[in-house]
Amino acid sequence: MDLDATLLQLSREPDLPLDVAQIALELAKDEFPHLDVAGYVAELDAMAKEAARWVSGSFEDQVRGLCRYLFHDLGFHGNIKEYYDPRNSYFNTVLDRRTGIPITLSAVTMAVGRRVGLCIEGVGLPGHFIVKAVADRSLKAAATSDPDVAANDPEVAAGLSLRGTEEIFIDPFHGGRFLTQTDCENLVQQSTGVPFEATSLSLWSIPLGLMIQRMLRNLKSIYWNDEDYPRAIRVMQRLFQITPEDAALRRDLGVGLLRLRQPGKAVDHLRYYVEQAAEAEDVEEIRGLLRDADHKLAEWN
């Protein structure tokens, strides 16, 4: 996979029917340059082969079988004690350690589920990430031995979820438990302290491109809070490939580059923010940083 080309595609078509595992593994190579992507993909294929023994019967039984395999037999679980450990955000270390944060455990569920013919889609709740299994598209996937063919079905590619079809909401972070709409509301309330109404719209499937953005933003926040600016900038540069017009991202890139004493690389990002966010509360502060960066460049020249 050409990761740069894929991220560019996702910037234009966020709902592309690509394998979340493949993209997440390619992104992990930024931190683990010798990572064997093909080896991890083979591991996922082997997991799916094992999981297929449990994925039979009714739609609900199939989903329960997948969750039993992943969260009981293999022991995938949420890393509550070390939630902000960056290893929880890298797909390869999540597979190695069988622990992660909601979005990476959701990605594992999606990747293995897809490989056994189930349609598992990401749902980006405020403050938490879950998945849902969708019956109508799972049946389409089961009708073919090639999950890529099923994934390229027009309805699947469009991210359509027909009302009236069976959907099962799953919380991979908490052992793969099934969720009701009330459970989803309570999860958000506990995570954010803000009331949340679970509706068909608020529980809609998130496009792959937006899921990848959310994974990267989580990792960027961890590195930024740890003042690990080289890694934070590396992650933000990946985000920039998907969302080049995100003014707040451009601001943070500029500030991070200044902290690494790279004003020449920072000025364009800071200038973009000043131009695009003229009414922002911090725009005067950023203007000051931009002036300082321009002065430094002038002195060097």
Protein backbone atom coordinates (compact mmCIF):
# COMPACT_ATOMS: atom_id res chain seq x y z
CA MET A 1 0.00 0.00 0.00
CA ASP A 2 1.21 3.49 -0.88
CA LEU A 3 0.28 5.24 2.38
CA ASP A 4 0.75 8.78 1.05
CA ALA A 5 -1.55 8.07 -1.90
CA THR A 6 -4.09 6.36 0.38
CA LEU A 7 -4.26 9.31 2.79
CA LEU A 8 -4.71 11.65 -0.15
CA GLN A 9 -7.57 9.47 -1.39
CA LEU A 10 -9.17 9.52 2.06
CA SER A 11 -8.93 13.31 2.14
CA ARG A 12 -11.12 13.34 -0.98
CA GLU A 13 -13.27 10.27 -0.34
CA PRO A 14 -13.41 9.54 3.40
CA ASP A 15 -15.84 6.64 2.94
CA LEU A 16 -13.53 4.54 0.75
CA PRO A 17 -14.07 0.80 1.52
CA LEU A 18 -10.48 0.06 2.56
CA ASP A 19 -9.13 -2.24 5.27
CA VAL A 20 -8.69 -0.26 8.48
CA ALA A 21 -6.05 -2.74 9.67
CA GLN A 22 -3.87 -2.26 6.61
CA ILE A 23 -3.92 1.54 6.96
CA ALA A 24 -3.34 1.44 10.72
CA LEU A 25 -0.36 -0.88 10.27
CA GLU A 26 1.15 1.32 7.56
CA LEU A 27 0.79 4.33 9.87
CA ALA A 28 2.48 2.40 12.68
CA LYS A 29 5.58 2.07 10.50
CA ASP A 30 6.29 5.75 11.24
CA GLU A 31 7.13 4.65 14.80
CA PHE A 32 8.22 1.09 13.98
CA PRO A 33 10.03 1.35 10.63
CA HIS A 34 10.84 -2.38 10.47
CA LEU A 35 7.26 -3.45 11.17
CA ASP A 36 6.21 -6.50 9.14
CA VAL A 37 2.84 -5.37 7.80
CA ALA A 38 2.29 -8.57 5.82
CA GLY A 39 3.02 -10.63 8.93
CA TYR A 40 0.40 -8.82 10.99
CA VAL A 41 -2.15 -9.07 8.17
CA ALA A 42 -1.47 -12.82 8.10
CA GLU A 43 -2.05 -12.90 11.87
CA LEU A 44 -5.43 -11.23 11.39
CA ASP A 45 -6.30 -13.75 8.68
CA ALA A 46 -5.40 -16.57 11.08
CA MET A 47 -7.56 -15.00 13.80
CA ALA A 48 -10.47 -14.86 11.39
CA LYS A 49 -10.00 -18.51 10.49
CA GLU A 50 -10.19 -19.42 14.18
CA ALA A 51 -13.08 -17.04 14.83
CA ALA A 52 -15.10 -18.60 12.00
CA ARG A 53 -15.70 -21.62 14.25
CA TRP A 54 -17.78 -19.39 16.53
CA VAL A 55 -19.47 -17.27 13.87
CA SER A 56 -22.54 -19.30 12.97
CA GLY A 57 -26.27 -19.41 13.54
CA SER A 58 -28.44 -16.31 13.75
CA PHE A 59 -27.02 -12.86 13.19
CA GLU A 60 -26.91 -12.23 16.94
CA ASP A 61 -25.22 -15.57 17.53
CA GLN A 62 -22.60 -14.75 14.91
CA VAL A 63 -21.80 -11.42 16.56
CA ARG A 64 -21.69 -13.02 20.02
CA GLY A 65 -19.36 -15.67 18.64
CA LEU A 66 -16.97 -13.04 17.27
CA CYS A 67 -16.97 -11.17 20.59
CA ARG A 68 -16.45 -14.39 22.56
CA TYR A 69 -13.42 -15.23 20.45
CA LEU A 70 -11.82 -11.76 20.58
CA PHE A 71 -12.55 -10.73 24.15
CA HIS A 72 -12.78 -14.06 25.99
CA ASP A 73 -10.56 -16.51 24.12
CA LEU A 74 -7.90 -14.03 22.98
CA GLY A 75 -8.36 -11.67 25.91
CA PHE A 76 -8.48 -8.29 24.15
CA HIS A 77 -9.37 -5.67 26.74
CA GLY A 78 -9.27 -1.97 27.44
CA ASN A 79 -6.13 -0.60 29.04
CA ILE A 80 -7.74 1.36 31.84
CA LYS A 81 -4.65 1.71 34.06
CA GLU A 82 -2.36 3.04 31.30
CA TYR A 83 -4.93 4.61 29.03
CA TYR A 84 -2.54 7.27 27.67
CA ASP A 85 0.32 4.91 26.89
CA PRO A 86 1.03 5.59 23.18
CA ARG A 87 1.34 1.85 22.57
CA ASN A 88 -2.45 1.70 22.95
CA SER A 89 -2.74 3.74 19.76
CA TYR A 90 -0.53 1.62 17.51
CA PHE A 91 -2.33 -1.27 15.84
CA ASN A 92 0.64 -3.64 15.92
CA THR A 93 1.27 -3.22 19.67
CA VAL A 94 -2.46 -3.60 20.35
CA LEU A 95 -2.32 -6.96 18.57
CA ASP A 96 0.85 -7.92 20.43
CA ARG A 97 -0.33 -6.89 23.90
CA ARG A 98 -4.07 -7.60 23.47
CA THR A 99 -4.91 -4.24 25.01
CA GLY A 100 -5.64 -0.75 23.76
CA ILE A 101 -8.03 2.18 23.78
CA PRO A 102 -11.59 2.14 22.43
CA ILE A 103 -10.77 3.12 18.86
CA THR A 104 -7.90 0.68 18.32
CA LEU A 105 -9.84 -2.21 19.88
CA SER A 106 -12.72 -1.21 17.63
CA ALA A 107 -10.37 -1.38 14.65
CA VAL A 108 -9.38 -4.92 15.64
CA THR A 109 -13.05 -5.90 15.88
CA MET A 110 -13.76 -4.37 12.49
CA ALA A 111 -10.77 -6.03 10.84
CA VAL A 112 -11.46 -9.55 12.14
CA GLY A 113 -15.21 -9.19 11.69
CA ARG A 114 -14.76 -8.19 8.06
CA ARG A 115 -12.61 -11.23 7.47
CA VAL A 116 -15.34 -13.60 8.70
CA GLY A 117 -18.05 -11.97 6.60
CA LEU A 118 -19.57 -9.66 9.22
CA CYS A 119 -20.02 -5.98 8.58
CA ILE A 120 -18.64 -4.18 11.65
CA GLU A 121 -18.64 -0.38 11.42
CA GLY A 122 -17.13 2.28 13.65
CA VAL A 123 -19.34 4.63 15.67
CA GLY A 124 -17.62 7.73 16.99
CA LEU A 125 -19.44 8.67 20.17
CA PRO A 126 -18.32 11.83 21.96
CA GLY A 127 -15.53 10.76 24.31
CA HIS A 128 -15.76 7.08 23.40
CA PHE A 129 -15.60 4.83 20.35
CA ILE A 130 -17.69 1.73 19.73
CA VAL A 131 -18.70 -0.43 16.80
CA LYS A 132 -21.92 -1.79 15.43
CA ALA A 133 -22.61 -4.96 13.49
CA VAL A 134 -25.06 -4.41 10.64
CA ALA A 135 -27.12 -7.39 9.51
CA ASP A 136 -28.04 -6.48 5.93
CA ARG A 137 -24.46 -5.81 4.85
CA SER A 138 -23.17 -8.78 6.80
CA LEU A 139 -25.42 -11.02 4.74
CA LYS A 140 -23.98 -9.53 1.57
CA ALA A 141 -20.46 -10.14 2.84
CA ALA A 142 -21.30 -13.73 3.77
CA ALA A 143 -22.60 -14.35 0.25
CA THR A 144 -19.09 -14.18 -1.17
CA SER A 145 -15.85 -15.86 -0.16
CA ASP A 146 -13.93 -12.66 -0.96
CA PRO A 147 -14.57 -9.91 1.65
CA ASP A 148 -13.07 -7.34 -0.72
CA VAL A 149 -15.85 -8.02 -3.21
CA ALA A 150 -18.45 -7.52 -0.50
CA ALA A 151 -16.73 -4.33 0.68
CA ASN A 152 -16.98 -2.90 -2.82
CA ASP A 153 -20.75 -3.34 -2.95
CA PRO A 154 -22.21 0.10 -3.81
CA GLU A 155 -24.33 0.24 -0.66
CA VAL A 156 -21.39 -0.71 1.54
CA ALA A 157 -19.08 1.78 -0.16
CA ALA A 158 -21.65 4.53 0.36
CA GLY A 159 -21.89 3.70 4.06
CA LEU A 160 -25.63 3.17 3.82
CA SER A 161 -27.39 1.72 6.84
CA LEU A 162 -30.95 0.84 5.93
CA ARG A 163 -33.37 1.65 8.71
CA GLY A 164 -35.17 -1.40 9.93
CA THR A 165 -32.18 -3.69 9.47
CA GLU A 166 -30.75 -5.26 12.58
CA GLU A 167 -27.87 -3.45 14.26
CA ILE A 168 -25.97 -4.61 17.32
CA PHE A 169 -23.84 -2.06 19.18
CA ILE A 170 -20.67 -3.37 20.81
CA ASP A 171 -18.19 -1.82 23.26
CA PRO A 172 -14.78 -3.39 22.52
CA PHE A 173 -13.11 -1.45 25.35
CA HIS A 174 -15.34 -3.11 27.94
CA GLY A 175 -15.05 -6.74 26.90
CA GLY A 176 -17.19 -6.64 23.78
CA ARG A 177 -20.44 -6.17 25.68
CA PHE A 178 -23.60 -5.44 23.72
CA LEU A 179 -25.04 -1.96 24.18
CA THR A 180 -28.54 -0.55 24.10
CA GLN A 181 -29.18 3.04 23.06
CA THR A 182 -29.51 3.92 26.74
CA ASP A 183 -26.13 2.31 27.39
CA CYS A 184 -24.63 4.53 24.68
CA GLU A 185 -26.12 7.61 26.31
CA ASN A 186 -24.70 6.59 29.69
CA LEU A 187 -21.25 5.91 28.19
CA VAL A 188 -21.07 9.42 26.77
CA GLN A 189 -22.37 10.96 29.99
CA GLN A 190 -19.67 9.13 31.98
CA SER A 191 -16.92 10.03 29.50
CA THR A 192 -17.74 13.68 28.90
CA GLY A 193 -20.16 14.77 31.61
CA VAL A 194 -22.43 16.08 28.84
CA PRO A 195 -25.92 14.72 28.13
CA PHE A 196 -26.20 12.74 24.90
CA GLU A 197 -29.22 11.55 22.96
CA ALA A 198 -28.75 8.29 21.11
CA THR A 199 -30.54 8.56 17.77
CA SER A 200 -30.11 6.91 14.39
CA LEU A 201 -28.15 9.99 13.33
CA SER A 202 -25.86 10.23 16.37
CA LEU A 203 -25.18 6.48 16.15
CA TRP A 204 -24.44 6.61 12.42
CA SER A 205 -21.36 4.82 11.08
CA ILE A 206 -18.26 7.00 10.86
CA PRO A 207 -16.43 7.02 7.49
CA LEU A 208 -13.03 5.36 7.49
CA GLY A 209 -11.24 8.63 6.77
CA LEU A 210 -12.72 10.26 9.86
CA MET A 211 -11.87 7.20 11.96
CA ILE A 212 -8.23 7.40 10.88
CA GLN A 213 -8.24 11.11 11.75
CA ARG A 214 -9.57 10.35 15.21
CA MET A 215 -6.90 7.69 15.76
CA LEU A 216 -4.19 10.15 14.78
CA ARG A 217 -5.64 12.98 16.89
CA ASN A 218 -5.60 10.73 19.95
CA LEU A 219 -1.94 9.94 19.37
CA LYS A 220 -1.08 13.57 18.67
CA SER A 221 -2.68 14.61 22.00
CA ILE A 222 -0.65 12.03 23.91
CA TYR A 223 2.64 13.17 22.43
CA TRP A 224 1.74 16.87 22.73
CA ASN A 225 0.83 16.54 26.40
CA ASP A 226 4.11 14.69 26.98
CA GLU A 227 5.94 17.52 25.17
CA ASP A 228 7.30 14.95 22.73
CA TYR A 229 7.16 17.46 19.88
CA PRO A 230 9.10 15.48 17.25
CA ARG A 231 6.58 12.65 17.45
CA ALA A 232 3.61 15.01 17.79
CA ILE A 233 4.69 16.82 14.62
CA ARG A 234 5.19 13.54 12.79
CA VAL A 235 1.62 12.54 13.63
CA MET A 236 0.28 15.99 12.71
CA GLN A 237 2.00 15.78 9.34
CA ARG A 238 0.01 12.62 8.67
CA LEU A 239 -3.15 14.44 9.72
CA PHE A 240 -2.19 17.30 7.41
CA GLN A 241 -2.21 14.86 4.49
CA ILE A 242 -5.87 14.09 5.22
CA THR A 243 -7.07 17.54 6.39
CA PRO A 244 -4.81 20.18 4.82
CA GLU A 245 -7.40 22.92 5.42
CA ASP A 246 -7.78 22.32 9.16
CA ALA A 247 -6.75 25.70 10.57
CA ALA A 248 -6.33 24.48 14.17
CA LEU A 249 -4.09 21.65 12.99
CA ARG A 250 -1.99 24.12 10.99
CA ARG A 251 -1.66 26.32 14.10
CA ASP A 252 -0.48 23.41 16.23
CA LEU A 253 1.96 22.31 13.53
CA GLY A 254 3.39 25.81 13.43
CA VAL A 255 3.69 26.08 17.21
CA GLY A 256 5.30 22.65 17.44
CA LEU A 257 7.83 23.48 14.75
CA LEU A 258 8.73 26.70 16.57
CA ARG A 259 9.36 24.69 19.73
CA LEU A 260 11.79 22.61 17.70
CA ARG A 261 13.42 25.83 16.50
CA GLN A 262 12.29 25.40 12.91
CA PRO A 263 10.72 28.80 12.12
CA GLY A 264 11.18 28.35 8.39
CA LYS A 265 8.83 25.37 8.41
CA ALA A 266 6.45 27.02 10.87
CA VAL A 267 5.63 30.33 9.18
CA ASP A 268 3.34 29.01 6.43
CA HIS A 269 1.24 27.08 8.95
CA LEU A 270 1.01 30.05 11.32
CA ARG A 271 0.18 32.42 8.48
CA TYR A 272 -2.58 30.09 7.27
CA TYR A 273 -4.13 30.07 10.73
CA VAL A 274 -4.01 33.86 11.06
CA GLU A 275 -5.68 34.25 7.67
CA GLN A 276 -8.33 31.57 8.15
CA ALA A 277 -9.15 32.10 11.84
CA ALA A 278 -9.09 35.89 12.07
CA GLU A 279 -11.81 35.89 14.74
CA ALA A 280 -10.27 33.20 16.95
CA GLU A 281 -9.53 34.10 20.56
CA ASP A 282 -5.86 33.19 20.24
CA VAL A 283 -5.23 34.82 16.86
CA GLU A 284 -3.27 37.74 18.35
CA GLU A 285 -1.01 35.33 20.21
CA ILE A 286 -0.36 33.44 16.98
CA ARG A 287 0.29 36.71 15.14
CA GLY A 288 2.98 37.44 17.71
CA LEU A 289 4.57 34.04 17.16
CA LEU A 290 4.45 34.61 13.42
CA ARG A 291 6.20 37.98 13.76
CA ASP A 292 8.90 36.41 15.92
CA ALA A 293 9.41 33.65 13.37
CA ASP A 294 9.65 36.16 10.51
CA HIS A 295 12.22 38.19 12.47
CA LYS A 296 14.35 35.12 13.10
CA LEU A 297 14.27 34.21 9.44
CA ALA A 298 15.23 37.77 8.49
CA GLU A 299 18.21 37.67 10.90
CA TRP A 300 19.41 34.37 9.45
CA ASN A 301 19.18 35.72 5.91
